[in-house]
Amino acid sequence: MAFSVTILGNSSAKPTPSAHPSAQVVNLNEQYYLVDAGEGVQQQLIRRGINPLRLRAVFISHLHGDHCYGLFPLISTLGLEGKRTPLDIYAPAPMGDILEHHNRYFCEELPYEVKWHEVKTTEHRIIMENSTLEVWSIPLRHRVPTAGYLFREKQPSLNVRKEEIKRLGLTIAQIVSLKRGEDITLDSGEVITHDSVTYLPYEARSYAYLSDTNYSAKAAERVRGVDLLYHEATYSATEQTLAKGRGHSTTAEAARVAALAEAKRLIIGHFSSRYKEKQPLVEECRAIFPNTDIANEGETFYIE
């Protein structure tokens, strides 16, 4: 199954001519999830070939404009496009009140339901789950209540080797038992252990989104072993005092989180507009965590 992250925006609050504020799309087996919704997110979705009607849910990290202002025109556009199924929005309070007032004044006749689910930013727990995915909230340390998100694929069922099905003459019931990890007994009395005829089609994968935050060792622990980690890196390594005062992280701190989490790969974004060149920032990270890249706008990162 495909598992990827497409970057729609990677800048911080101050607008720039060439970059959009925070927004990403997680794609797991053609199920699309929007993570943060900075200004212009609906245009960015279309520009990247992603139909907004395919969004299953939206996850907002916190209620600063550069992370949520794009949500409201998106809600309206989805109505104009004929959306009928509910749109689930996961966000901290008081997003429910904000959505209620917005819809009352601007989207009173929406043809679909907007369903807000409160994310408690002090809790690390599953907030959404379906047959293939679970999403966890990750408490972060910013100037307002903020949560990161961990997208964790569920472990797939075992597959039974086709040649063994034919050789042993397995029934559907026996195949189902083996796929559940159970041993079976044939009519002959022979015991077939599940591990002798099955295999795991792929290892479960994971992606963590750690948005605006000071350095947090706890957040690192909560995403330990993650395949792909996005961590904000608003400031260069020399600006630690400034970053701490504004509730943000430096490049070095982002890299330290990746190392502590034993992540396989780190991508960084949410850059201050003061940095015209991004390569020096990624090199600061690589000095601590070599497998680091920039979350370039428009780029898709595949999780293998």
C-alpha atoms as a PDB file:
ATOM      1  CA  MET A   1       0.000   0.000   0.000  1.00  0.00           C
ATOM      2  CA  ALA A   2       1.182   3.509  -0.781  1.00  0.00           C
ATOM      3  CA  PHE A   3       2.170   5.670   2.180  1.00  0.00           C
ATOM      4  CA  SER A   4       3.378   9.179   1.391  1.00  0.00           C
ATOM      5  CA  VAL A   5       3.441  12.798   2.550  1.00  0.00           C
ATOM      6  CA  THR A   6       3.077  15.735   0.126  1.00  0.00           C
ATOM      7  CA  ILE A   7       4.248  19.155   1.305  1.00  0.00           C
ATOM      8  CA  LEU A   8       1.811  21.951   0.418  1.00  0.00           C
ATOM      9  CA  GLY A   9       3.511  24.665   2.479  1.00  0.00           C
ATOM     10  CA  ASN A  10       6.622  24.934   4.650  1.00  0.00           C
ATOM     11  CA  SER A  11       6.979  28.551   5.749  1.00  0.00           C
ATOM     12  CA  SER A  12       6.227  30.265   9.049  1.00  0.00           C
ATOM     13  CA  ALA A  13       3.728  33.044   9.741  1.00  0.00           C
ATOM     14  CA  LYS A  14       5.175  35.929   7.738  1.00  0.00           C
ATOM     15  CA  PRO A  15       4.082  35.715   4.082  1.00  0.00           C
ATOM     16  CA  THR A  16       6.706  35.393   1.364  1.00  0.00           C
ATOM     17  CA  PRO A  17       6.357  35.597  -2.442  1.00  0.00           C
ATOM     18  CA  SER A  18       7.548  32.029  -2.982  1.00  0.00           C
ATOM     19  CA  ALA A  19       6.344  29.949  -0.014  1.00  0.00           C
ATOM     20  CA  HIS A  20       3.035  28.977   1.568  1.00  0.00           C
ATOM     21  CA  PRO A  21       2.316  28.429   5.266  1.00  0.00           C
ATOM     22  CA  SER A  22       2.048  25.036   6.906  1.00  0.00           C
ATOM     23  CA  ALA A  23       0.015  22.332   5.189  1.00  0.00           C
ATOM     24  CA  GLN A  24       0.634  18.717   4.230  1.00  0.00           C
ATOM     25  CA  VAL A  25      -1.311  15.753   2.896  1.00  0.00           C
ATOM     26  CA  VAL A  26      -0.792  12.226   4.186  1.00  0.00           C
ATOM     27  CA  ASN A  27      -1.805   9.523   1.711  1.00  0.00           C
ATOM     28  CA  LEU A  28      -2.283   5.993   2.973  1.00  0.00           C
ATOM     29  CA  ASN A  29      -3.589   3.649   0.283  1.00  0.00           C
ATOM     30  CA  GLU A  30      -5.381   6.509  -1.523  1.00  0.00           C
ATOM     31  CA  GLN A  31      -7.003   7.724   1.694  1.00  0.00           C
ATOM     32  CA  TYR A  32      -6.044  11.399   2.070  1.00  0.00           C
ATOM     33  CA  TYR A  33      -5.631  13.337   5.326  1.00  0.00           C
ATOM     34  CA  LEU A  34      -4.859  17.068   5.506  1.00  0.00           C
ATOM     35  CA  VAL A  35      -2.436  18.104   8.234  1.00  0.00           C
ATOM     36  CA  ASP A  36      -2.686  21.810   9.038  1.00  0.00           C
ATOM     37  CA  ALA A  37      -4.334  24.232   6.640  1.00  0.00           C
ATOM     38  CA  GLY A  38      -2.436  27.463   6.150  1.00  0.00           C
ATOM     39  CA  GLU A  39      -3.687  30.154   3.785  1.00  0.00           C
ATOM     40  CA  GLY A  40      -4.113  29.061   0.187  1.00  0.00           C
ATOM     41  CA  VAL A  41      -4.320  25.355   1.007  1.00  0.00           C
ATOM     42  CA  GLN A  42      -7.137  24.652  -1.459  1.00  0.00           C
ATOM     43  CA  GLN A  43      -5.145  26.128  -4.342  1.00  0.00           C
ATOM     44  CA  GLN A  44      -2.137  24.100  -3.246  1.00  0.00           C
ATOM     45  CA  LEU A  45      -4.168  20.905  -3.215  1.00  0.00           C
ATOM     46  CA  ILE A  46      -5.342  21.520  -6.766  1.00  0.00           C
ATOM     47  CA  ARG A  47      -1.864  22.549  -7.889  1.00  0.00           C
ATOM     48  CA  ARG A  48      -0.484  19.228  -6.629  1.00  0.00           C
ATOM     49  CA  GLY A  49      -3.201  17.193  -8.337  1.00  0.00           C
ATOM     50  CA  ILE A  50      -5.086  16.291  -5.154  1.00  0.00           C
ATOM     51  CA  ASN A  51      -8.865  16.554  -5.393  1.00  0.00           C
ATOM     52  CA  PRO A  52     -10.087  18.212  -2.149  1.00  0.00           C
ATOM     53  CA  LEU A  53     -13.157  15.967  -2.242  1.00  0.00           C
ATOM     54  CA  ARG A  54     -10.868  13.019  -1.499  1.00  0.00           C
ATOM     55  CA  LEU A  55      -9.912  14.345   1.936  1.00  0.00           C
ATOM     56  CA  ARG A  56     -11.100  11.991   4.678  1.00  0.00           C
ATOM     57  CA  ALA A  57     -10.191  14.231   7.636  1.00  0.00           C
ATOM     58  CA  VAL A  58      -8.313  17.369   8.647  1.00  0.00           C
ATOM     59  CA  PHE A  59      -5.868  17.593  11.562  1.00  0.00           C
ATOM     60  CA  ILE A  60      -5.042  21.075  12.911  1.00  0.00           C
ATOM     61  CA  SER A  61      -2.080  21.352  15.274  1.00  0.00           C
ATOM     62  CA  HIS A  62      -3.024  24.674  16.888  1.00  0.00           C
ATOM     63  CA  LEU A  63      -5.047  27.813  16.354  1.00  0.00           C
ATOM     64  CA  HIS A  64      -2.474  30.169  14.894  1.00  0.00           C
ATOM     65  CA  GLY A  65      -3.534  31.598  11.551  1.00  0.00           C
ATOM     66  CA  ASP A  66      -0.642  30.193   9.535  1.00  0.00           C
ATOM     67  CA  HIS A  67      -1.881  26.718  10.446  1.00  0.00           C
ATOM     68  CA  CYS A  68      -5.651  27.082  10.083  1.00  0.00           C
ATOM     69  CA  TYR A  69      -6.756  30.161   8.073  1.00  0.00           C
ATOM     70  CA  GLY A  70      -6.992  28.080   4.901  1.00  0.00           C
ATOM     71  CA  LEU A  71      -9.533  25.715   6.451  1.00  0.00           C
ATOM     72  CA  PHE A  72     -12.508  28.057   6.123  1.00  0.00           C
ATOM     73  CA  PRO A  73     -12.457  28.688   2.357  1.00  0.00           C
ATOM     74  CA  LEU A  74     -11.777  24.964   1.924  1.00  0.00           C
ATOM     75  CA  ILE A  75     -14.990  24.151   3.805  1.00  0.00           C
ATOM     76  CA  SER A  76     -16.917  26.460   1.468  1.00  0.00           C
ATOM     77  CA  THR A  77     -15.299  25.071  -1.672  1.00  0.00           C
ATOM     78  CA  LEU A  78     -16.131  21.494  -0.684  1.00  0.00           C
ATOM     79  CA  GLY A  79     -19.776  22.540  -0.476  1.00  0.00           C
ATOM     80  CA  LEU A  80     -19.637  24.130  -3.914  1.00  0.00           C
ATOM     81  CA  GLU A  81     -18.052  20.947  -5.277  1.00  0.00           C
ATOM     82  CA  GLY A  82     -20.989  18.894  -4.023  1.00  0.00           C
ATOM     83  CA  LYS A  83     -19.523  17.118  -1.012  1.00  0.00           C
ATOM     84  CA  ARG A  84     -22.153  15.065   0.818  1.00  0.00           C
ATOM     85  CA  THR A  85     -20.248  12.952   3.323  1.00  0.00           C
ATOM     86  CA  PRO A  86     -19.144  14.462   6.671  1.00  0.00           C
ATOM     87  CA  LEU A  87     -15.769  16.169   7.020  1.00  0.00           C
ATOM     88  CA  ASP A  88     -14.043  15.251  10.285  1.00  0.00           C
ATOM     89  CA  ILE A  89     -11.881  18.009  11.745  1.00  0.00           C
ATOM     90  CA  TYR A  90      -9.521  17.232  14.633  1.00  0.00           C
ATOM     91  CA  ALA A  91      -8.298  20.359  16.396  1.00  0.00           C
ATOM     92  CA  PRO A  92      -7.826  21.906  19.837  1.00  0.00           C
ATOM     93  CA  ALA A  93     -10.570  23.991  21.456  1.00  0.00           C
ATOM     94  CA  PRO A  94     -12.126  26.433  20.773  1.00  0.00           C
ATOM     95  CA  MET A  95     -12.151  25.346  17.128  1.00  0.00           C
ATOM     96  CA  GLY A  96     -15.695  24.039  17.612  1.00  0.00           C
ATOM     97  CA  ASP A  97     -16.948  27.526  18.464  1.00  0.00           C
ATOM     98  CA  ILE A  98     -15.010  29.053  15.573  1.00  0.00           C
ATOM     99  CA  LEU A  99     -16.487  26.575  13.089  1.00  0.00           C
ATOM    100  CA  GLU A 100     -19.990  27.161  14.421  1.00  0.00           C
ATOM    101  CA  HIS A 101     -19.722  30.922  13.940  1.00  0.00           C
ATOM    102  CA  HIS A 102     -18.044  30.594  10.534  1.00  0.00           C
ATOM    103  CA  ASN A 103     -20.694  28.240   9.207  1.00  0.00           C
ATOM    104  CA  ARG A 104     -23.501  30.407  10.579  1.00  0.00           C
ATOM    105  CA  TYR A 105     -22.293  33.507   8.726  1.00  0.00           C
ATOM    106  CA  PHE A 106     -20.640  32.073   5.615  1.00  0.00           C
ATOM    107  CA  CYS A 107     -21.715  28.460   5.077  1.00  0.00           C
ATOM    108  CA  GLU A 108     -25.224  28.235   6.440  1.00  0.00           C
ATOM    109  CA  GLU A 109     -26.454  25.899   3.713  1.00  0.00           C
ATOM    110  CA  LEU A 110     -23.589  23.433   3.464  1.00  0.00           C
ATOM    111  CA  PRO A 111     -24.702  20.166   1.850  1.00  0.00           C
ATOM    112  CA  TYR A 112     -22.527  18.152   4.227  1.00  0.00           C
ATOM    113  CA  GLU A 113     -21.751  18.015   7.954  1.00  0.00           C
ATOM    114  CA  VAL A 114     -18.611  19.502   9.486  1.00  0.00           C
ATOM    115  CA  LYS A 115     -17.767  17.356  12.516  1.00  0.00           C
ATOM    116  CA  TRP A 116     -15.303  18.781  15.035  1.00  0.00           C
ATOM    117  CA  HIS A 117     -13.399  16.433  17.350  1.00  0.00           C
ATOM    118  CA  GLU A 118     -11.568  18.122  20.216  1.00  0.00           C
ATOM    119  CA  VAL A 119      -7.876  17.277  20.501  1.00  0.00           C
ATOM    120  CA  LYS A 120      -6.731  17.579  24.103  1.00  0.00           C
ATOM    121  CA  THR A 121      -3.208  18.900  23.708  1.00  0.00           C
ATOM    122  CA  THR A 122      -1.974  17.528  27.053  1.00  0.00           C
ATOM    123  CA  GLU A 123      -2.853  13.935  26.163  1.00  0.00           C
ATOM    124  CA  HIS A 124      -0.988  11.319  24.151  1.00  0.00           C
ATOM    125  CA  ARG A 125      -3.694   9.001  22.849  1.00  0.00           C
ATOM    126  CA  ILE A 126      -5.399   7.600  19.778  1.00  0.00           C
ATOM    127  CA  ILE A 127      -7.806  10.213  18.390  1.00  0.00           C
ATOM    128  CA  MET A 128      -8.777   8.503  15.125  1.00  0.00           C
ATOM    129  CA  GLU A 129      -8.760   4.876  14.026  1.00  0.00           C
ATOM    130  CA  ASN A 130      -9.929   2.813  11.082  1.00  0.00           C
ATOM    131  CA  SER A 131      -9.103  -0.592   9.617  1.00  0.00           C
ATOM    132  CA  THR A 132      -5.646   0.434   8.341  1.00  0.00           C
ATOM    133  CA  LEU A 133      -4.565   3.449  10.410  1.00  0.00           C
ATOM    134  CA  GLU A 134      -4.435   4.936  13.876  1.00  0.00           C
ATOM    135  CA  VAL A 135      -3.640   8.584  14.581  1.00  0.00           C
ATOM    136  CA  TRP A 136      -2.147   9.638  17.924  1.00  0.00           C
ATOM    137  CA  SER A 137      -1.993  13.101  19.454  1.00  0.00           C
ATOM    138  CA  ILE A 138       1.453  14.268  20.616  1.00  0.00           C
ATOM    139  CA  PRO A 139       1.553  17.077  23.240  1.00  0.00           C
ATOM    140  CA  LEU A 140       3.877  19.886  22.128  1.00  0.00           C
ATOM    141  CA  ARG A 141       5.337  22.979  23.817  1.00  0.00           C
ATOM    142  CA  HIS A 142       4.229  26.149  22.042  1.00  0.00           C
ATOM    143  CA  ARG A 143       2.748  29.505  23.085  1.00  0.00           C
ATOM    144  CA  VAL A 144      -0.803  28.180  22.680  1.00  0.00           C
ATOM    145  CA  PRO A 145      -2.183  24.643  23.165  1.00  0.00           C
ATOM    146  CA  THR A 146      -0.599  22.566  20.398  1.00  0.00           C
ATOM    147  CA  ALA A 147      -0.553  18.930  19.351  1.00  0.00           C
ATOM    148  CA  GLY A 148       1.548  17.024  16.889  1.00  0.00           C
ATOM    149  CA  TYR A 149       0.247  13.901  15.183  1.00  0.00           C
ATOM    150  CA  LEU A 150       1.583  10.384  14.729  1.00  0.00           C
ATOM    151  CA  PHE A 151       0.143   8.433  11.794  1.00  0.00           C
ATOM    152  CA  ARG A 152       0.765   4.759  12.475  1.00  0.00           C
ATOM    153  CA  GLU A 153      -0.195   2.099   9.974  1.00  0.00           C
ATOM    154  CA  LYS A 154      -1.747  -1.018  11.469  1.00  0.00           C
ATOM    155  CA  GLN A 155       0.124  -4.277  11.152  1.00  0.00           C
ATOM    156  CA  PRO A 156      -1.199  -6.086   8.057  1.00  0.00           C
ATOM    157  CA  SER A 157      -2.665  -9.581   8.172  1.00  0.00           C
ATOM    158  CA  LEU A 158      -0.429 -12.483   7.286  1.00  0.00           C
ATOM    159  CA  ASN A 159      -0.559 -13.852   3.747  1.00  0.00           C
ATOM    160  CA  VAL A 160      -0.572 -17.576   3.026  1.00  0.00           C
ATOM    161  CA  ARG A 161       1.821 -18.679   0.287  1.00  0.00           C
ATOM    162  CA  LYS A 162      -0.172 -19.677  -2.810  1.00  0.00           C
ATOM    163  CA  GLU A 163       1.916 -22.756  -3.451  1.00  0.00           C
ATOM    164  CA  GLU A 164       1.153 -24.009   0.086  1.00  0.00           C
ATOM    165  CA  ILE A 165      -2.579 -23.471  -0.392  1.00  0.00           C
ATOM    166  CA  LYS A 166      -2.471 -25.694  -3.464  1.00  0.00           C
ATOM    167  CA  ARG A 167      -0.072 -28.272  -2.006  1.00  0.00           C
ATOM    168  CA  LEU A 168      -2.016 -28.754   1.216  1.00  0.00           C
ATOM    169  CA  GLY A 169      -5.471 -28.303  -0.274  1.00  0.00           C
ATOM    170  CA  LEU A 170      -6.405 -25.703   2.303  1.00  0.00           C
ATOM    171  CA  THR A 171     -10.006 -24.669   2.828  1.00  0.00           C
ATOM    172  CA  ILE A 172     -11.108 -21.045   3.159  1.00  0.00           C
ATOM    173  CA  ALA A 173     -11.640 -21.540   6.895  1.00  0.00           C
ATOM    174  CA  GLN A 174      -8.117 -22.924   7.281  1.00  0.00           C
ATOM    175  CA  ILE A 175      -6.637 -20.026   5.279  1.00  0.00           C
ATOM    176  CA  VAL A 176      -8.473 -17.519   7.487  1.00  0.00           C
ATOM    177  CA  SER A 177      -7.119 -19.198  10.626  1.00  0.00           C
ATOM    178  CA  LEU A 178      -3.559 -19.144   9.318  1.00  0.00           C
ATOM    179  CA  LYS A 179      -3.894 -15.451   8.382  1.00  0.00           C
ATOM    180  CA  ARG A 180      -4.900 -14.772  11.993  1.00  0.00           C
ATOM    181  CA  GLY A 181      -1.656 -16.414  13.139  1.00  0.00           C
ATOM    182  CA  GLU A 182      -3.240 -19.655  14.271  1.00  0.00           C
ATOM    183  CA  ASP A 183      -1.932 -23.184  13.671  1.00  0.00           C
ATOM    184  CA  ILE A 184      -4.260 -25.693  11.980  1.00  0.00           C
ATOM    185  CA  THR A 185      -4.702 -29.458  11.900  1.00  0.00           C
ATOM    186  CA  LEU A 186      -5.328 -31.200   8.575  1.00  0.00           C
ATOM    187  CA  ASP A 187      -7.740 -34.112   8.185  1.00  0.00           C
ATOM    188  CA  SER A 188      -4.684 -36.383   8.164  1.00  0.00           C
ATOM    189  CA  GLY A 189      -3.789 -35.199  11.673  1.00  0.00           C
ATOM    190  CA  GLU A 190      -0.766 -33.231  10.497  1.00  0.00           C
ATOM    191  CA  VAL A 191      -0.316 -29.927  12.340  1.00  0.00           C
ATOM    192  CA  ILE A 192       0.578 -26.974  10.135  1.00  0.00           C
ATOM    193  CA  THR A 193       2.127 -24.070  12.019  1.00  0.00           C
ATOM    194  CA  HIS A 194       1.195 -20.658  10.694  1.00  0.00           C
ATOM    195  CA  ASP A 195       4.802 -19.464  10.502  1.00  0.00           C
ATOM    196  CA  SER A 196       5.709 -22.312   8.127  1.00  0.00           C
ATOM    197  CA  VAL A 197       3.253 -21.272   5.395  1.00  0.00           C
ATOM    198  CA  THR A 198       2.624 -17.529   5.911  1.00  0.00           C
ATOM    199  CA  TYR A 199       4.540 -14.298   5.476  1.00  0.00           C
ATOM    200  CA  LEU A 200       4.092 -10.653   6.429  1.00  0.00           C
ATOM    201  CA  PRO A 201       3.387  -8.690   3.218  1.00  0.00           C
ATOM    202  CA  TYR A 202       5.050  -5.540   4.580  1.00  0.00           C
ATOM    203  CA  GLU A 203       6.103  -3.928   7.855  1.00  0.00           C
ATOM    204  CA  ALA A 204       3.751  -1.353   9.340  1.00  0.00           C
ATOM    205  CA  ARG A 205       5.022   2.198   8.710  1.00  0.00           C
ATOM    206  CA  SER A 206       4.677   5.507  10.517  1.00  0.00           C
ATOM    207  CA  TYR A 207       4.883   9.272  10.068  1.00  0.00           C
ATOM    208  CA  ALA A 208       5.112  11.942  12.773  1.00  0.00           C
ATOM    209  CA  TYR A 209       4.272  15.625  12.380  1.00  0.00           C
ATOM    210  CA  LEU A 210       5.797  17.787  15.119  1.00  0.00           C
ATOM    211  CA  SER A 211       4.654  21.287  14.396  1.00  0.00           C
ATOM    212  CA  ASP A 212       5.404  24.505  16.309  1.00  0.00           C
ATOM    213  CA  THR A 213       7.174  23.549  19.516  1.00  0.00           C
ATOM    214  CA  ASN A 214      10.136  24.071  21.774  1.00  0.00           C
ATOM    215  CA  TYR A 215      12.525  21.154  22.049  1.00  0.00           C
ATOM    216  CA  SER A 216      10.677  18.223  23.665  1.00  0.00           C
ATOM    217  CA  ALA A 217      12.369  15.000  24.715  1.00  0.00           C
ATOM    218  CA  LYS A 218       8.938  13.612  25.627  1.00  0.00           C
ATOM    219  CA  ALA A 219       7.686  14.143  22.086  1.00  0.00           C
ATOM    220  CA  ALA A 220      10.752  12.295  20.817  1.00  0.00           C
ATOM    221  CA  GLU A 221      10.023   9.348  23.090  1.00  0.00           C
ATOM    222  CA  ARG A 222       6.415   9.220  21.931  1.00  0.00           C
ATOM    223  CA  VAL A 223       7.404   8.843  18.276  1.00  0.00           C
ATOM    224  CA  ARG A 224      10.325   6.472  18.867  1.00  0.00           C
ATOM    225  CA  GLY A 225      11.222   4.406  15.819  1.00  0.00           C
ATOM    226  CA  VAL A 226       9.180   6.518  13.404  1.00  0.00           C
ATOM    227  CA  ASP A 227       9.985   6.012   9.725  1.00  0.00           C
ATOM    228  CA  LEU A 228       9.601   9.659   8.684  1.00  0.00           C
ATOM    229  CA  LEU A 229       9.634  12.618  11.062  1.00  0.00           C
ATOM    230  CA  TYR A 230       8.666  16.181  10.213  1.00  0.00           C
ATOM    231  CA  HIS A 231       9.948  18.678  12.781  1.00  0.00           C
ATOM    232  CA  GLU A 232       9.735  22.441  12.641  1.00  0.00           C
ATOM    233  CA  ALA A 233      13.088  24.253  12.381  1.00  0.00           C
ATOM    234  CA  THR A 234      12.059  27.899  12.436  1.00  0.00           C
ATOM    235  CA  TYR A 235      15.496  29.202  13.408  1.00  0.00           C
ATOM    236  CA  SER A 236      19.140  28.388  12.827  1.00  0.00           C
ATOM    237  CA  ALA A 237      21.219  26.721  15.512  1.00  0.00           C
ATOM    238  CA  THR A 238      22.654  30.078  16.650  1.00  0.00           C
ATOM    239  CA  GLU A 239      19.202  31.438  17.589  1.00  0.00           C
ATOM    240  CA  GLN A 240      18.364  29.133  20.500  1.00  0.00           C
ATOM    241  CA  THR A 241      17.339  31.942  22.891  1.00  0.00           C
ATOM    242  CA  LEU A 242      15.037  33.513  20.306  1.00  0.00           C
ATOM    243  CA  ALA A 243      13.521  30.153  19.448  1.00  0.00           C
ATOM    244  CA  LYS A 244      12.827  29.280  23.071  1.00  0.00           C
ATOM    245  CA  GLY A 245      11.156  32.622  23.744  1.00  0.00           C
ATOM    246  CA  ARG A 246       8.834  32.268  20.765  1.00  0.00           C
ATOM    247  CA  GLY A 247       7.906  28.636  21.329  1.00  0.00           C
ATOM    248  CA  HIS A 248       9.873  27.302  18.398  1.00  0.00           C
ATOM    249  CA  SER A 249      12.873  25.070  17.678  1.00  0.00           C
ATOM    250  CA  THR A 250      16.228  25.496  16.034  1.00  0.00           C
ATOM    251  CA  THR A 251      17.691  23.227  13.395  1.00  0.00           C
ATOM    252  CA  ALA A 252      19.959  21.622  15.979  1.00  0.00           C
ATOM    253  CA  GLU A 253      17.033  20.934  18.299  1.00  0.00           C
ATOM    254  CA  ALA A 254      15.016  19.332  15.496  1.00  0.00           C
ATOM    255  CA  ALA A 255      17.976  17.068  14.740  1.00  0.00           C
ATOM    256  CA  ARG A 256      18.363  16.155  18.405  1.00  0.00           C
ATOM    257  CA  VAL A 257      14.709  15.114  18.550  1.00  0.00           C
ATOM    258  CA  ALA A 258      15.196  12.910  15.466  1.00  0.00           C
ATOM    259  CA  ALA A 259      18.270  11.296  16.989  1.00  0.00           C
ATOM    260  CA  LEU A 260      16.574  10.694  20.347  1.00  0.00           C
ATOM    261  CA  ALA A 261      13.528   9.257  18.583  1.00  0.00           C
ATOM    262  CA  GLU A 262      15.761   6.970  16.489  1.00  0.00           C
ATOM    263  CA  ALA A 263      13.834   8.155  13.445  1.00  0.00           C
ATOM    264  CA  LYS A 264      14.823   6.737  10.085  1.00  0.00           C
ATOM    265  CA  ARG A 265      14.546  10.080   8.279  1.00  0.00           C
ATOM    266  CA  LEU A 266      13.989  13.733   9.216  1.00  0.00           C
ATOM    267  CA  ILE A 267      12.449  16.503   7.141  1.00  0.00           C
ATOM    268  CA  ILE A 268      12.407  20.101   8.375  1.00  0.00           C
ATOM    269  CA  GLY A 269      10.235  23.121   7.621  1.00  0.00           C
ATOM    270  CA  HIS A 270       8.367  26.145   9.054  1.00  0.00           C
ATOM    271  CA  PHE A 271      11.357  28.334   8.244  1.00  0.00           C
ATOM    272  CA  SER A 272      11.503  31.960   9.299  1.00  0.00           C
ATOM    273  CA  SER A 273      11.264  34.350   6.337  1.00  0.00           C
ATOM    274  CA  ARG A 274      14.659  35.767   7.323  1.00  0.00           C
ATOM    275  CA  TYR A 275      16.385  32.750   5.731  1.00  0.00           C
ATOM    276  CA  LYS A 276      16.607  33.171   1.972  1.00  0.00           C
ATOM    277  CA  GLU A 277      18.835  30.115   1.580  1.00  0.00           C
ATOM    278  CA  LYS A 278      17.685  26.868   3.174  1.00  0.00           C
ATOM    279  CA  GLN A 279      20.725  24.672   2.484  1.00  0.00           C
ATOM    280  CA  PRO A 280      22.732  26.016   5.465  1.00  0.00           C
ATOM    281  CA  LEU A 281      19.804  25.071   7.717  1.00  0.00           C
ATOM    282  CA  VAL A 282      19.680  21.487   6.527  1.00  0.00           C
ATOM    283  CA  GLU A 283      23.467  21.206   6.891  1.00  0.00           C
ATOM    284  CA  GLU A 284      23.164  22.258  10.544  1.00  0.00           C
ATOM    285  CA  CYS A 285      20.760  19.367  11.041  1.00  0.00           C
ATOM    286  CA  ARG A 286      22.931  16.900   9.160  1.00  0.00           C
ATOM    287  CA  ALA A 287      25.838  17.618  11.486  1.00  0.00           C
ATOM    288  CA  ILE A 288      23.750  15.938  14.204  1.00  0.00           C
ATOM    289  CA  PHE A 289      21.335  13.740  12.233  1.00  0.00           C
ATOM    290  CA  PRO A 290      22.762  12.943   8.780  1.00  0.00           C
ATOM    291  CA  ASN A 291      19.566  11.644   7.146  1.00  0.00           C
ATOM    292  CA  THR A 292      17.876  15.065   7.018  1.00  0.00           C
ATOM    293  CA  ASP A 293      16.194  16.809   4.103  1.00  0.00           C
ATOM    294  CA  ILE A 294      14.171  19.967   3.553  1.00  0.00           C
ATOM    295  CA  ALA A 295      10.395  19.578   3.359  1.00  0.00           C
ATOM    296  CA  ASN A 296      10.362  21.338   0.006  1.00  0.00           C
ATOM    297  CA  GLU A 297       7.006  22.697  -1.092  1.00  0.00           C
ATOM    298  CA  GLY A 298       5.494  20.419  -3.722  1.00  0.00           C
ATOM    299  CA  GLU A 299       7.703  17.447  -2.878  1.00  0.00           C
ATOM    300  CA  THR A 300       6.252  14.051  -2.007  1.00  0.00           C
ATOM    301  CA  PHE A 301       8.094  11.838   0.480  1.00  0.00           C
ATOM    302  CA  TYR A 302       7.417   8.122   0.188  1.00  0.00           C
ATOM    303  CA  ILE A 303       7.580   5.879   3.245  1.00  0.00           C
ATOM    304  CA  GLU A 304       8.821   2.433   2.224  1.00  0.00           C
END
